[in-house]
C-alpha atoms as a PDB file:
ATOM      1  CA  MET A   1      79.990 -61.521-165.741  1.00  0.00           C
ATOM      2  CA  ALA A   2      76.850 -63.085-167.139  1.00  0.00           C
ATOM      3  CA  THR A   3      74.105 -63.481-163.926  1.00  0.00           C
ATOM      4  CA  THR A   4      71.976 -66.446-163.845  1.00  0.00           C
ATOM      5  CA  PRO A   5      68.475 -66.494-163.583  1.00  0.00           C
ATOM      6  CA  SER A   6      66.741 -66.627-160.613  1.00  0.00           C
ATOM      7  CA  ARG A   7      64.363 -69.492-159.712  1.00  0.00           C
ATOM      8  CA  PRO A   8      61.373 -67.786-159.362  1.00  0.00           C
ATOM      9  CA  HIS A   9      62.059 -66.352-162.883  1.00  0.00           C
ATOM     10  CA  ARG A  10      62.901 -69.492-164.245  1.00  0.00           C
ATOM     11  CA  HIS A  11      59.287 -70.953-163.179  1.00  0.00           C
ATOM     12  CA  ARG A  12      57.394 -68.274-164.777  1.00  0.00           C
ATOM     13  CA  HIS A  13      59.652 -69.171-168.030  1.00  0.00           C
ATOM     14  CA  ALA A  14      58.455 -72.371-168.038  1.00  0.00           C
ATOM     15  CA  LEU A  15      55.077 -72.112-167.380  1.00  0.00           C
ATOM     16  CA  THR A  16      54.641 -69.492-169.758  1.00  0.00           C
ATOM     17  CA  ARG A  17      56.242 -72.194-172.349  1.00  0.00           C
ATOM     18  CA  LEU A  18      53.859 -74.838-171.525  1.00  0.00           C
ATOM     19  CA  VAL A  19      51.019 -72.313-171.751  1.00  0.00           C
ATOM     20  CA  ASP A  20      52.468 -71.471-175.112  1.00  0.00           C
ATOM     21  CA  ARG A  21      52.285 -75.425-175.923  1.00  0.00           C
ATOM     22  CA  ARG A  22      49.040 -76.203-174.619  1.00  0.00           C
ATOM     23  CA  ARG A  23      47.311 -73.221-176.000  1.00  0.00           C
ATOM     24  CA  ARG A  24      44.827 -74.623-178.261  1.00  0.00           C
ATOM     25  CA  VAL A  25      44.025 -77.513-176.059  1.00  0.00           C
ATOM     26  CA  LEU A  26      43.184 -74.718-173.745  1.00  0.00           C
ATOM     27  CA  ALA A  27      41.319 -72.822-176.016  1.00  0.00           C
ATOM     28  CA  ALA A  28      38.942 -75.974-177.365  1.00  0.00           C
ATOM     29  CA  LEU A  29      38.112 -76.792-173.314  1.00  0.00           C
ATOM     30  CA  LEU A  30      37.377 -73.229-172.223  1.00  0.00           C
ATOM     31  CA  THR A  31      35.047 -73.257-175.659  1.00  0.00           C
ATOM     32  CA  ALA A  32      33.617 -76.510-174.702  1.00  0.00           C
ATOM     33  CA  VAL A  33      32.807 -75.235-171.072  1.00  0.00           C
ATOM     34  CA  ALA A  34      31.228 -71.841-172.626  1.00  0.00           C
ATOM     35  CA  LEU A  35      28.986 -73.942-174.546  1.00  0.00           C
ATOM     36  CA  LEU A  36      27.784 -76.560-171.505  1.00  0.00           C
ATOM     37  CA  THR A  37      27.491 -73.069-170.016  1.00  0.00           C
ATOM     38  CA  ALA A  38      24.891 -71.778-172.362  1.00  0.00           C
ATOM     39  CA  THR A  39      23.098 -74.954-172.921  1.00  0.00           C
ATOM     40  CA  LEU A  40      22.203 -75.684-169.300  1.00  0.00           C
ATOM     41  CA  LEU A  41      20.903 -71.455-169.494  1.00  0.00           C
ATOM     42  CA  VAL A  42      18.696 -71.891-172.314  1.00  0.00           C
ATOM     43  CA  ARG A  43      17.704 -75.783-171.679  1.00  0.00           C
ATOM     44  CA  PRO A  44      14.122 -75.795-169.615  1.00  0.00           C
ATOM     45  CA  PRO A  45      13.863 -77.253-166.840  1.00  0.00           C
ATOM     46  CA  PRO A  46      12.538 -80.839-165.896  1.00  0.00           C
ATOM     47  CA  ASP A  47       9.120 -81.323-166.151  1.00  0.00           C
ATOM     48  CA  ALA A  48       7.900 -81.771-162.809  1.00  0.00           C
ATOM     49  CA  THR A  49       6.589 -85.371-161.951  1.00  0.00           C
ATOM     50  CA  THR A  50       3.971 -86.997-160.275  1.00  0.00           C
ATOM     51  CA  ALA A  51       3.599 -90.590-158.666  1.00  0.00           C
ATOM     52  CA  VAL A  52       0.751 -92.929-159.753  1.00  0.00           C
ATOM     53  CA  LEU A  53       0.293 -96.687-159.637  1.00  0.00           C
ATOM     54  CA  VAL A  54       0.184 -98.610-162.909  1.00  0.00           C
ATOM     55  CA  ALA A  55      -0.829-102.226-163.475  1.00  0.00           C
ATOM     56  CA  ALA A  56       2.519-104.510-163.245  1.00  0.00           C
ATOM     57  CA  HIS A  57       0.690-107.161-165.249  1.00  0.00           C
ATOM     58  CA  ASP A  58      -2.472-107.720-166.900  1.00  0.00           C
ATOM     59  CA  LEU A  59      -5.297-107.528-164.454  1.00  0.00           C
ATOM     60  CA  ASP A  60      -8.633-109.239-164.435  1.00  0.00           C
ATOM     61  CA  PRO A  61     -11.524-107.859-163.081  1.00  0.00           C
ATOM     62  CA  ALA A  62     -12.649-111.195-161.397  1.00  0.00           C
ATOM     63  CA  ARG A  63     -10.065-111.121-158.785  1.00  0.00           C
ATOM     64  CA  PRO A  64      -9.689-108.279-155.928  1.00  0.00           C
ATOM     65  CA  LEU A  65      -6.421-106.143-156.394  1.00  0.00           C
ATOM     66  CA  THR A  66      -3.116-107.356-154.012  1.00  0.00           C
ATOM     67  CA  GLY A  67      -0.154-105.625-153.443  1.00  0.00           C
ATOM     68  CA  ARG A  68       1.472-107.353-156.399  1.00  0.00           C
ATOM     69  CA  ASP A  69      -0.969-105.986-158.738  1.00  0.00           C
ATOM     70  CA  LEU A  70       0.163-102.155-159.055  1.00  0.00           C
ATOM     71  CA  VAL A  71       3.418-100.252-159.047  1.00  0.00           C
ATOM     72  CA  ARG A  72       4.504 -97.085-158.724  1.00  0.00           C
ATOM     73  CA  ARG A  73       5.624 -94.866-161.820  1.00  0.00           C
ATOM     74  CA  ASP A  74       6.333 -90.993-162.009  1.00  0.00           C
ATOM     75  CA  LEU A  75       4.951 -89.135-164.740  1.00  0.00           C
ATOM     76  CA  PRO A  76       5.270 -85.923-166.268  1.00  0.00           C
ATOM     77  CA  ASP A  77       2.485 -83.627-164.410  1.00  0.00           C
ATOM     78  CA  HIS A  78       0.925 -83.067-167.684  1.00  0.00           C
ATOM     79  CA  ALA A  79       0.442 -86.814-168.683  1.00  0.00           C
ATOM     80  CA  VAL A  80      -1.089 -87.892-165.237  1.00  0.00           C
ATOM     81  CA  PRO A  81      -4.568 -88.568-166.096  1.00  0.00           C
ATOM     82  CA  ILE A  82      -7.739 -87.263-163.884  1.00  0.00           C
ATOM     83  CA  GLY A  83      -8.276 -89.316-160.857  1.00  0.00           C
ATOM     84  CA  ALA A  84      -4.936 -91.348-161.069  1.00  0.00           C
ATOM     85  CA  LEU A  85      -4.255 -93.365-157.929  1.00  0.00           C
ATOM     86  CA  ALA A  86      -1.175 -92.367-155.721  1.00  0.00           C
ATOM     87  CA  PRO A  87       0.966 -94.608-154.029  1.00  0.00           C
ATOM     88  CA  GLY A  88      -0.522 -95.122-150.296  1.00  0.00           C
ATOM     89  CA  THR A  89      -4.316 -95.276-151.304  1.00  0.00           C
ATOM     90  CA  GLY A  90      -6.288 -97.121-150.081  1.00  0.00           C
ATOM     91  CA  TRP A  91      -7.328 -99.885-153.136  1.00  0.00           C
ATOM     92  CA  ASP A  92      -5.933-102.936-151.908  1.00  0.00           C
ATOM     93  CA  GLY A  93      -9.111-105.625-152.062  1.00  0.00           C
ATOM     94  CA  ALA A  94     -10.618-102.851-154.637  1.00  0.00           C
ATOM     95  CA  LEU A  95     -12.468-104.696-157.937  1.00  0.00           C
ATOM     96  CA  LEU A  96     -11.762-103.416-161.462  1.00  0.00           C
ATOM     97  CA  ASN A  97     -14.585-102.683-163.586  1.00  0.00           C
ATOM     98  CA  ALA A  98     -12.902-104.084-166.692  1.00  0.00           C
ATOM     99  CA  PRO A  99     -10.019-105.751-167.636  1.00  0.00           C
ATOM    100  CA  VAL A 100      -6.608-103.822-167.270  1.00  0.00           C
ATOM    101  CA  ARG A 101      -3.118-103.850-169.538  1.00  0.00           C
ATOM    102  CA  ARG A 102       0.084-104.197-167.995  1.00  0.00           C
ATOM    103  CA  GLY A 103       1.504-100.489-167.371  1.00  0.00           C
ATOM    104  CA  GLU A 104      -1.931 -98.966-167.727  1.00  0.00           C
ATOM    105  CA  VAL A 105      -2.201 -96.122-165.216  1.00  0.00           C
ATOM    106  CA  ILE A 106      -5.009 -97.007-162.638  1.00  0.00           C
ATOM    107  CA  THR A 107      -7.898 -94.166-162.132  1.00  0.00           C
ATOM    108  CA  ASP A 108     -10.790 -94.257-159.921  1.00  0.00           C
ATOM    109  CA  ALA A 109     -12.719 -94.988-162.897  1.00  0.00           C
ATOM    110  CA  ARG A 110     -11.463 -98.081-163.113  1.00  0.00           C
ATOM    111  CA  LEU A 111     -12.496 -99.227-160.100  1.00  0.00           C
ATOM    112  CA  SER A 112     -15.950-100.672-159.013  1.00  0.00           C
ATOM    113  CA  ASP A 113     -17.874 -98.541-156.270  1.00  0.00           C
ATOM    114  CA  PRO A 114     -19.651-100.747-153.939  1.00  0.00           C
ATOM    115  CA  PRO A 115     -21.961 -98.605-152.086  1.00  0.00           C
ATOM    116  CA  ALA A 116     -20.550 -99.225-148.848  1.00  0.00           C
ATOM    117  CA  ARG A 117     -16.995 -99.422-149.345  1.00  0.00           C
ATOM    118  CA  ALA A 118     -16.610 -95.934-147.885  1.00  0.00           C
ATOM    119  CA  TYR A 119     -17.197 -97.206-144.186  1.00  0.00           C
ATOM    120  CA  GLY A 120     -15.200-100.677-144.395  1.00  0.00           C
ATOM    121  CA  PRO A 121     -13.895-103.153-146.911  1.00  0.00           C
ATOM    122  CA  ASP A 122     -16.218-106.024-145.200  1.00  0.00           C
ATOM    123  CA  LEU A 123     -19.426-103.685-145.251  1.00  0.00           C
ATOM    124  CA  VAL A 124     -22.446-104.703-148.446  1.00  0.00           C
ATOM    125  CA  ALA A 125     -25.218-102.227-148.908  1.00  0.00           C
ATOM    126  CA  ALA A 126     -28.302-103.928-147.525  1.00  0.00           C
ATOM    127  CA  PRO A 127     -32.139-102.797-147.982  1.00  0.00           C
ATOM    128  CA  VAL A 128     -34.433-102.379-145.002  1.00  0.00           C
ATOM    129  CA  ARG A 129     -38.149-102.140-144.944  1.00  0.00           C
ATOM    130  CA  VAL A 130     -39.385-100.197-142.051  1.00  0.00           C
ATOM    131  CA  ALA A 131     -42.463-100.840-140.852  1.00  0.00           C
ATOM    132  CA  ASP A 132     -43.217 -97.440-140.064  1.00  0.00           C
ATOM    133  CA  PRO A 133     -42.554 -94.469-143.361  1.00  0.00           C
ATOM    134  CA  GLY A 134     -42.591 -91.797-140.896  1.00  0.00           C
ATOM    135  CA  SER A 135     -39.526 -92.793-139.080  1.00  0.00           C
ATOM    136  CA  VAL A 136     -37.481 -92.838-142.469  1.00  0.00           C
ATOM    137  CA  ASP A 137     -38.444 -89.529-143.020  1.00  0.00           C
ATOM    138  CA  LEU A 138     -36.196 -88.566-140.547  1.00  0.00           C
ATOM    139  CA  LEU A 139     -33.090 -90.354-141.818  1.00  0.00           C
ATOM    140  CA  SER A 140     -30.924 -88.951-144.880  1.00  0.00           C
ATOM    141  CA  PRO A 141     -27.534 -90.850-146.201  1.00  0.00           C
ATOM    142  CA  GLY A 142     -25.131 -90.675-143.167  1.00  0.00           C
ATOM    143  CA  SER A 143     -27.449 -91.044-140.595  1.00  0.00           C
ATOM    144  CA  ARG A 144     -26.599 -93.982-138.056  1.00  0.00           C
ATOM    145  CA  VAL A 145     -29.164 -96.411-137.103  1.00  0.00           C
ATOM    146  CA  ASP A 146     -29.602 -99.660-135.053  1.00  0.00           C
ATOM    147  CA  VAL A 147     -32.348-102.184-136.984  1.00  0.00           C
ATOM    148  CA  LEU A 148     -34.553-103.722-134.577  1.00  0.00           C
ATOM    149  CA  ALA A 149     -37.360-106.753-135.771  1.00  0.00           C
ATOM    150  CA  ALA A 150     -40.036-107.771-133.749  1.00  0.00           C
ATOM    151  CA  THR A 151     -41.936-110.956-134.633  1.00  0.00           C
ATOM    152  CA  GLY A 152     -45.420-111.459-135.039  1.00  0.00           C
ATOM    153  CA  PRO A 153     -48.361-109.250-136.414  1.00  0.00           C
ATOM    154  CA  GLY A 154     -48.062-106.482-134.155  1.00  0.00           C
ATOM    155  CA  ASP A 155     -51.434-106.905-132.568  1.00  0.00           C
ATOM    156  CA  PRO A 156     -51.677-104.211-130.000  1.00  0.00           C
ATOM    157  CA  HIS A 157     -54.345-106.003-127.919  1.00  0.00           C
ATOM    158  CA  ARG A 158     -51.667-108.960-127.180  1.00  0.00           C
ATOM    159  CA  PRO A 159     -51.106-108.519-123.268  1.00  0.00           C
ATOM    160  CA  ARG A 160     -47.578-109.580-123.396  1.00  0.00           C
ATOM    161  CA  ALA A 161     -45.406-108.468-126.520  1.00  0.00           C
ATOM    162  CA  ARG A 162     -41.824-109.672-126.927  1.00  0.00           C
ATOM    163  CA  PRO A 163     -39.026-107.322-126.881  1.00  0.00           C
ATOM    164  CA  ALA A 164     -37.520-106.674-130.238  1.00  0.00           C
ATOM    165  CA  GLU A 165     -34.447-108.291-131.492  1.00  0.00           C
ATOM    166  CA  GLU A 166     -31.277-106.196-132.390  1.00  0.00           C
ATOM    167  CA  VAL A 167     -30.604-107.105-135.861  1.00  0.00           C
ATOM    168  CA  ALA A 168     -27.773-104.689-136.929  1.00  0.00           C
ATOM    169  CA  THR A 169     -26.213-102.129-134.454  1.00  0.00           C
ATOM    170  CA  ASP A 170     -25.020 -98.580-135.414  1.00  0.00           C
ATOM    171  CA  ARG A 171     -25.024 -98.745-139.104  1.00  0.00           C
ATOM    172  CA  PRO A 172     -24.820 -95.777-141.498  1.00  0.00           C
ATOM    173  CA  VAL A 173     -27.455 -95.076-143.685  1.00  0.00           C
ATOM    174  CA  LEU A 174     -26.603 -95.351-147.637  1.00  0.00           C
ATOM    175  CA  ALA A 175     -29.674 -93.981-149.271  1.00  0.00           C
ATOM    176  CA  VAL A 176     -33.021 -93.180-148.848  1.00  0.00           C
ATOM    177  CA  PRO A 177     -35.555 -93.202-151.552  1.00  0.00           C
ATOM    178  CA  ASP A 178     -37.635 -90.216-152.555  1.00  0.00           C
ATOM    179  CA  GLY A 179     -40.668 -89.049-150.477  1.00  0.00           C
ATOM    180  CA  ASP A 180     -43.027 -89.596-153.093  1.00  0.00           C
ATOM    181  CA  VAL A 181     -41.916 -93.501-153.009  1.00  0.00           C
ATOM    182  CA  ARG A 182     -41.268 -94.715-149.555  1.00  0.00           C
ATOM    183  CA  GLY A 183     -44.807 -95.625-148.653  1.00  0.00           C
ATOM    184  CA  GLY A 184     -44.922 -98.447-150.754  1.00  0.00           C
ATOM    185  CA  GLU A 185     -46.751-101.462-149.778  1.00  0.00           C
ATOM    186  CA  GLY A 186     -44.983-103.073-146.408  1.00  0.00           C
ATOM    187  CA  GLY A 187     -43.382 -99.792-145.100  1.00  0.00           C
ATOM    188  CA  ALA A 188     -40.594 -97.577-146.639  1.00  0.00           C
ATOM    189  CA  LEU A 189     -37.297 -98.889-147.797  1.00  0.00           C
ATOM    190  CA  LEU A 190     -33.763 -97.478-146.697  1.00  0.00           C
ATOM    191  CA  LEU A 191     -30.231 -98.603-147.431  1.00  0.00           C
ATOM    192  CA  ILE A 192     -27.796 -99.356-145.044  1.00  0.00           C
ATOM    193  CA  ALA A 193     -24.246-100.838-144.944  1.00  0.00           C
ATOM    194  CA  ALA A 194     -24.307-103.967-142.712  1.00  0.00           C
ATOM    195  CA  THR A 195     -21.548-106.849-142.303  1.00  0.00           C
ATOM    196  CA  PRO A 196     -22.691-109.962-144.441  1.00  0.00           C
ATOM    197  CA  ALA A 197     -24.057-111.572-141.469  1.00  0.00           C
ATOM    198  CA  GLU A 198     -26.126-108.902-140.698  1.00  0.00           C
ATOM    199  CA  ALA A 199     -27.490-108.616-144.162  1.00  0.00           C
ATOM    200  CA  ARG A 200     -28.290-112.237-144.114  1.00  0.00           C
ATOM    201  CA  ALA A 201     -30.500-111.543-140.763  1.00  0.00           C
ATOM    202  CA  LEU A 202     -32.339-108.747-142.016  1.00  0.00           C
ATOM    203  CA  ALA A 203     -33.307-110.728-145.043  1.00  0.00           C
ATOM    204  CA  GLY A 204     -34.885-113.652-142.955  1.00  0.00           C
ATOM    205  CA  HIS A 205     -36.684-111.107-140.621  1.00  0.00           C
ATOM    206  CA  ALA A 206     -37.780-109.375-143.751  1.00  0.00           C
ATOM    207  CA  VAL A 207     -40.250-112.612-144.420  1.00  0.00           C
ATOM    208  CA  ALA A 208     -41.511-112.984-140.526  1.00  0.00           C
ATOM    209  CA  SER A 209     -40.819-109.716-138.638  1.00  0.00           C
ATOM    210  CA  ARG A 210     -41.666-105.862-138.677  1.00  0.00           C
ATOM    211  CA  LEU A 211     -38.713-104.027-139.093  1.00  0.00           C
ATOM    212  CA  SER A 212     -38.166-100.778-137.251  1.00  0.00           C
ATOM    213  CA  VAL A 213     -35.004 -98.351-136.619  1.00  0.00           C
ATOM    214  CA  THR A 214     -33.735 -96.368-133.887  1.00  0.00           C
ATOM    215  CA  ILE A 215     -31.858 -93.217-134.776  1.00  0.00           C
ATOM    216  CA  ARG A 216     -28.241 -92.976-133.354  1.00  0.00           C
ATOM    217  CA  GLY A 217     -27.460 -89.715-134.988  1.00  0.00           C
END
Protein backbone atom coordinates (compact mmCIF):
# COMPACT_ATOMS: atom_id res chain seq x y z
CA MET A 1 0.00 0.00 0.00
CA ALA A 2 1.40 3.43 -1.06
CA THR A 3 2.17 5.84 1.67
CA THR A 4 0.88 9.41 1.58
CA PRO A 5 3.65 12.01 1.72
CA SER A 6 3.70 13.91 4.97
CA ARG A 7 2.55 17.55 5.07
CA PRO A 8 6.03 19.08 5.69
CA HIS A 9 7.41 17.07 2.80
CA ARG A 10 4.70 18.34 0.48
CA HIS A 11 5.42 21.95 1.54
CA ARG A 12 9.14 21.59 0.86
CA HIS A 13 8.43 20.08 -2.53
CA ALA A 14 6.11 22.94 -3.43
CA LEU A 15 8.69 25.53 -2.32
CA THR A 16 11.32 23.83 -4.46
CA ARG A 17 9.07 23.99 -7.52
CA LEU A 18 8.37 27.70 -6.83
CA VAL A 19 12.09 28.46 -6.58
CA ASP A 20 12.75 26.59 -9.82
CA ARG A 21 10.10 28.64 -11.62
CA ARG A 22 11.42 31.94 -10.23
CA ARG A 23 15.10 31.13 -10.54
CA ARG A 24 15.79 33.67 -13.26
CA VAL A 25 13.90 36.41 -11.46
CA LEU A 26 15.75 35.72 -8.22
CA ALA A 27 19.08 35.67 -10.04
CA ALA A 28 18.32 39.05 -11.64
CA LEU A 29 17.34 40.55 -8.27
CA LEU A 30 20.49 39.26 -6.59
CA THR A 31 22.61 40.64 -9.43
CA ALA A 32 20.95 44.04 -9.11
CA VAL A 33 21.54 44.09 -5.36
CA ALA A 34 25.19 43.19 -5.88
CA LEU A 35 25.65 45.94 -8.46
CA LEU A 36 23.97 48.50 -6.23
CA THR A 37 26.15 47.52 -3.29
CA ALA A 38 29.30 47.79 -5.38
CA THR A 39 28.25 51.23 -6.66
CA LEU A 40 27.65 52.51 -3.15
CA LEU A 41 31.02 51.20 -2.01
CA VAL A 42 33.06 52.85 -4.79
CA ARG A 43 31.08 56.10 -5.07
CA PRO A 44 32.74 58.93 -3.11
CA PRO A 45 30.74 60.44 -0.24
CA PRO A 46 28.87 63.68 -0.98
CA ASP A 47 30.81 66.91 -0.59
CA ALA A 48 30.55 68.73 2.71
CA THR A 49 28.51 71.92 2.43
CA THR A 50 28.51 75.32 4.09
CA ALA A 51 25.52 77.64 4.52
CA VAL A 52 26.04 81.08 2.95
CA LEU A 53 23.91 84.11 2.12
CA VAL A 54 23.09 84.99 -1.48
CA ALA A 55 21.17 87.87 -3.02
CA ALA A 56 17.46 87.08 -3.23
CA HIS A 57 17.12 89.60 -6.09
CA ASP A 58 19.15 92.33 -7.76
CA LEU A 59 20.41 94.66 -5.03
CA ASP A 60 20.94 98.41 -5.17
CA PRO A 61 23.94 99.75 -3.19
CA ALA A 62 22.00 102.93 -2.32
CA ARG A 63 19.52 100.98 -0.16
CA PRO A 64 20.36 99.35 3.21
CA LEU A 65 19.98 95.57 3.31
CA THR A 66 16.85 94.10 4.90
CA GLY A 67 15.69 90.62 5.84
CA ARG A 68 14.10 90.16 2.40
CA ASP A 69 17.29 90.84 0.45
CA LEU A 70 19.41 87.80 1.35
CA VAL A 71 18.54 84.10 1.48
CA ARG A 72 20.38 81.00 2.68
CA ARG A 73 22.00 78.56 0.27
CA ASP A 74 24.12 75.48 0.97
CA LEU A 75 27.22 75.31 -1.20
CA PRO A 76 30.01 72.71 -1.41
CA ASP A 77 32.91 73.80 0.75
CA HIS A 78 35.23 74.14 -2.25
CA ALA A 79 32.78 76.58 -3.91
CA VAL A 80 32.44 78.95 -0.93
CA PRO A 81 34.37 82.20 -1.53
CA ILE A 82 36.56 83.67 1.17
CA GLY A 83 34.65 86.03 3.44
CA ALA A 84 31.21 84.68 2.53
CA LEU A 85 28.53 85.83 4.96
CA ALA A 86 26.92 83.07 7.01
CA PRO A 87 23.30 83.03 8.20
CA GLY A 88 23.00 84.89 11.47
CA THR A 89 25.70 87.41 10.57
CA GLY A 90 24.83 90.94 11.72
CA TRP A 91 24.37 92.39 8.23
CA ASP A 92 20.89 93.90 8.61
CA GLY A 93 21.03 97.59 7.70
CA ALA A 94 24.46 97.35 6.05
CA LEU A 95 25.18 99.04 2.73
CA LEU A 96 26.72 97.45 -0.36
CA ASN A 97 29.65 99.09 -2.12
CA ALA A 98 28.47 98.01 -5.59
CA PRO A 99 25.37 96.56 -7.30
CA VAL A 100 24.78 92.83 -6.77
CA ARG A 101 22.98 90.41 -9.07
CA ARG A 102 20.40 87.87 -7.94
CA GLY A 103 22.01 84.65 -6.69
CA GLU A 104 25.43 86.17 -6.02
CA VAL A 105 27.15 85.04 -2.83
CA ILE A 106 27.59 88.02 -0.50
CA THR A 107 31.07 88.40 0.97
CA ASP A 108 32.47 90.93 3.42
CA ALA A 109 34.20 92.64 0.47
CA ARG A 110 30.75 93.52 -0.92
CA LEU A 111 29.78 95.48 2.19
CA SER A 112 30.78 99.06 2.78
CA ASP A 113 32.70 99.36 6.01
CA PRO A 114 31.88 102.57 7.91
CA PRO A 115 34.61 103.12 10.52
CA ALA A 116 32.15 103.30 13.44
CA ARG A 117 30.00 100.29 12.47
CA ALA A 118 31.81 97.92 14.84
CA TYR A 119 30.63 100.03 17.80
CA GLY A 120 26.98 100.26 16.82
CA PRO A 121 24.77 100.54 13.73
CA ASP A 122 23.70 104.12 14.56
CA LEU A 123 27.14 105.61 15.19
CA VAL A 124 29.19 107.72 12.79
CA ALA A 125 32.86 108.67 12.67
CA ALA A 126 33.34 112.22 14.00
CA PRO A 127 36.64 114.16 13.86
CA VAL A 128 37.61 116.04 17.02
CA ARG A 129 40.27 118.76 17.07
CA VAL A 130 41.66 118.65 20.62
CA ALA A 131 43.30 121.86 21.87
CA ASP A 132 46.01 120.02 23.84
CA PRO A 133 48.08 117.76 21.53
CA GLY A 134 49.75 116.17 24.56
CA SER A 135 46.51 114.55 25.67
CA VAL A 136 46.15 112.90 22.28
CA ASP A 137 49.56 111.27 22.74
CA LEU A 138 47.98 109.22 25.52
CA LEU A 139 45.30 107.79 23.21
CA SER A 140 45.19 104.88 20.81
CA PRO A 141 42.40 103.23 18.80
CA GLY A 142 40.02 101.62 21.27
CA SER A 143 40.56 104.17 24.03
CA ARG A 144 37.35 105.62 25.43
CA VAL A 145 36.97 109.34 26.06
CA ASP A 146 34.56 112.10 27.02
CA VAL A 147 34.76 115.20 24.84
CA LEU A 148 34.40 118.56 26.61
CA ALA A 149 33.85 121.99 25.10
CA ALA A 150 34.95 125.18 26.89
CA THR A 151 33.71 128.48 25.51
CA GLY A 152 35.79 131.63 25.34
CA PRO A 153 39.43 132.21 24.41
CA GLY A 154 40.78 130.29 27.40
CA ASP A 155 42.35 133.36 29.00
CA PRO A 156 43.98 132.25 32.31
CA HIS A 157 43.43 135.73 33.80
CA ARG A 158 39.66 135.45 33.66
CA PRO A 159 38.55 135.36 37.30
CA ARG A 160 35.60 133.04 36.80
CA ALA A 161 35.75 130.44 34.03
CA ARG A 162 32.56 128.66 33.16
CA PRO A 163 32.52 124.86 33.47
CA ALA A 164 33.16 122.98 30.24
CA GLU A 165 30.19 121.34 28.57
CA GLU A 166 30.26 117.59 27.98
CA VAL A 167 29.51 117.07 24.31
CA ALA A 168 30.13 113.33 23.89
CA THR A 169 30.25 110.72 26.64
CA ASP A 170 32.21 107.46 26.80
CA ARG A 171 33.01 107.29 23.10
CA PRO A 172 35.60 104.96 21.52
CA VAL A 173 38.56 106.36 19.64
CA LEU A 174 38.63 105.05 16.08
CA ALA A 175 41.91 106.52 14.87
CA VAL A 176 44.75 108.78 16.03
CA PRO A 177 46.92 110.54 13.43
CA ASP A 178 50.64 109.91 13.31
CA GLY A 179 52.73 111.86 15.81
CA ASP A 180 54.36 114.10 13.21
CA VAL A 181 50.99 115.55 12.14
CA ARG A 182 49.26 115.86 15.51
CA GLY A 183 50.41 119.31 16.32
CA GLY A 184 48.70 121.02 13.39
CA GLU A 185 46.94 124.35 13.57
CA GLY A 186 44.22 124.33 16.21
CA GLY A 187 45.48 121.28 18.09
CA ALA A 188 45.60 117.56 17.44
CA LEU A 189 43.02 115.58 15.50
CA LEU A 190 41.45 112.29 16.51
CA LEU A 191 38.49 110.31 15.20
CA ILE A 192 35.79 108.99 17.53
CA ALA A 193 32.55 107.04 17.13
CA ALA A 194 29.58 109.26 18.02
CA THR A 195 25.87 109.56 17.48
CA PRO A 196 24.76 111.87 14.65
CA ALA A 197 23.52 114.38 17.27
CA GLU A 198 26.90 114.36 19.03
CA ALA A 199 28.68 114.78 15.70
CA ARG A 200 26.60 117.88 14.93
CA ALA A 201 27.28 119.30 18.38
CA LEU A 202 31.02 118.67 17.99
CA ALA A 203 31.04 120.43 14.63
CA GLY A 204 29.30 123.43 16.16
CA HIS A 205 31.63 123.64 19.16
CA ALA A 206 34.69 123.29 16.92
CA VAL A 207 33.99 126.81 15.60
CA ALA A 208 33.75 128.74 18.88
CA SER A 209 35.03 126.43 21.64
CA ARG A 210 38.18 124.70 22.81
CA LEU A 211 37.72 120.95 22.82
CA SER A 212 39.42 118.66 25.28
CA VAL A 213 39.10 115.03 26.32
CA THR A 214 39.01 113.09 29.53
CA ILE A 215 40.21 109.51 29.25
CA ARG A 216 38.06 106.68 30.58
CA GLY A 217 40.16 103.74 29.50
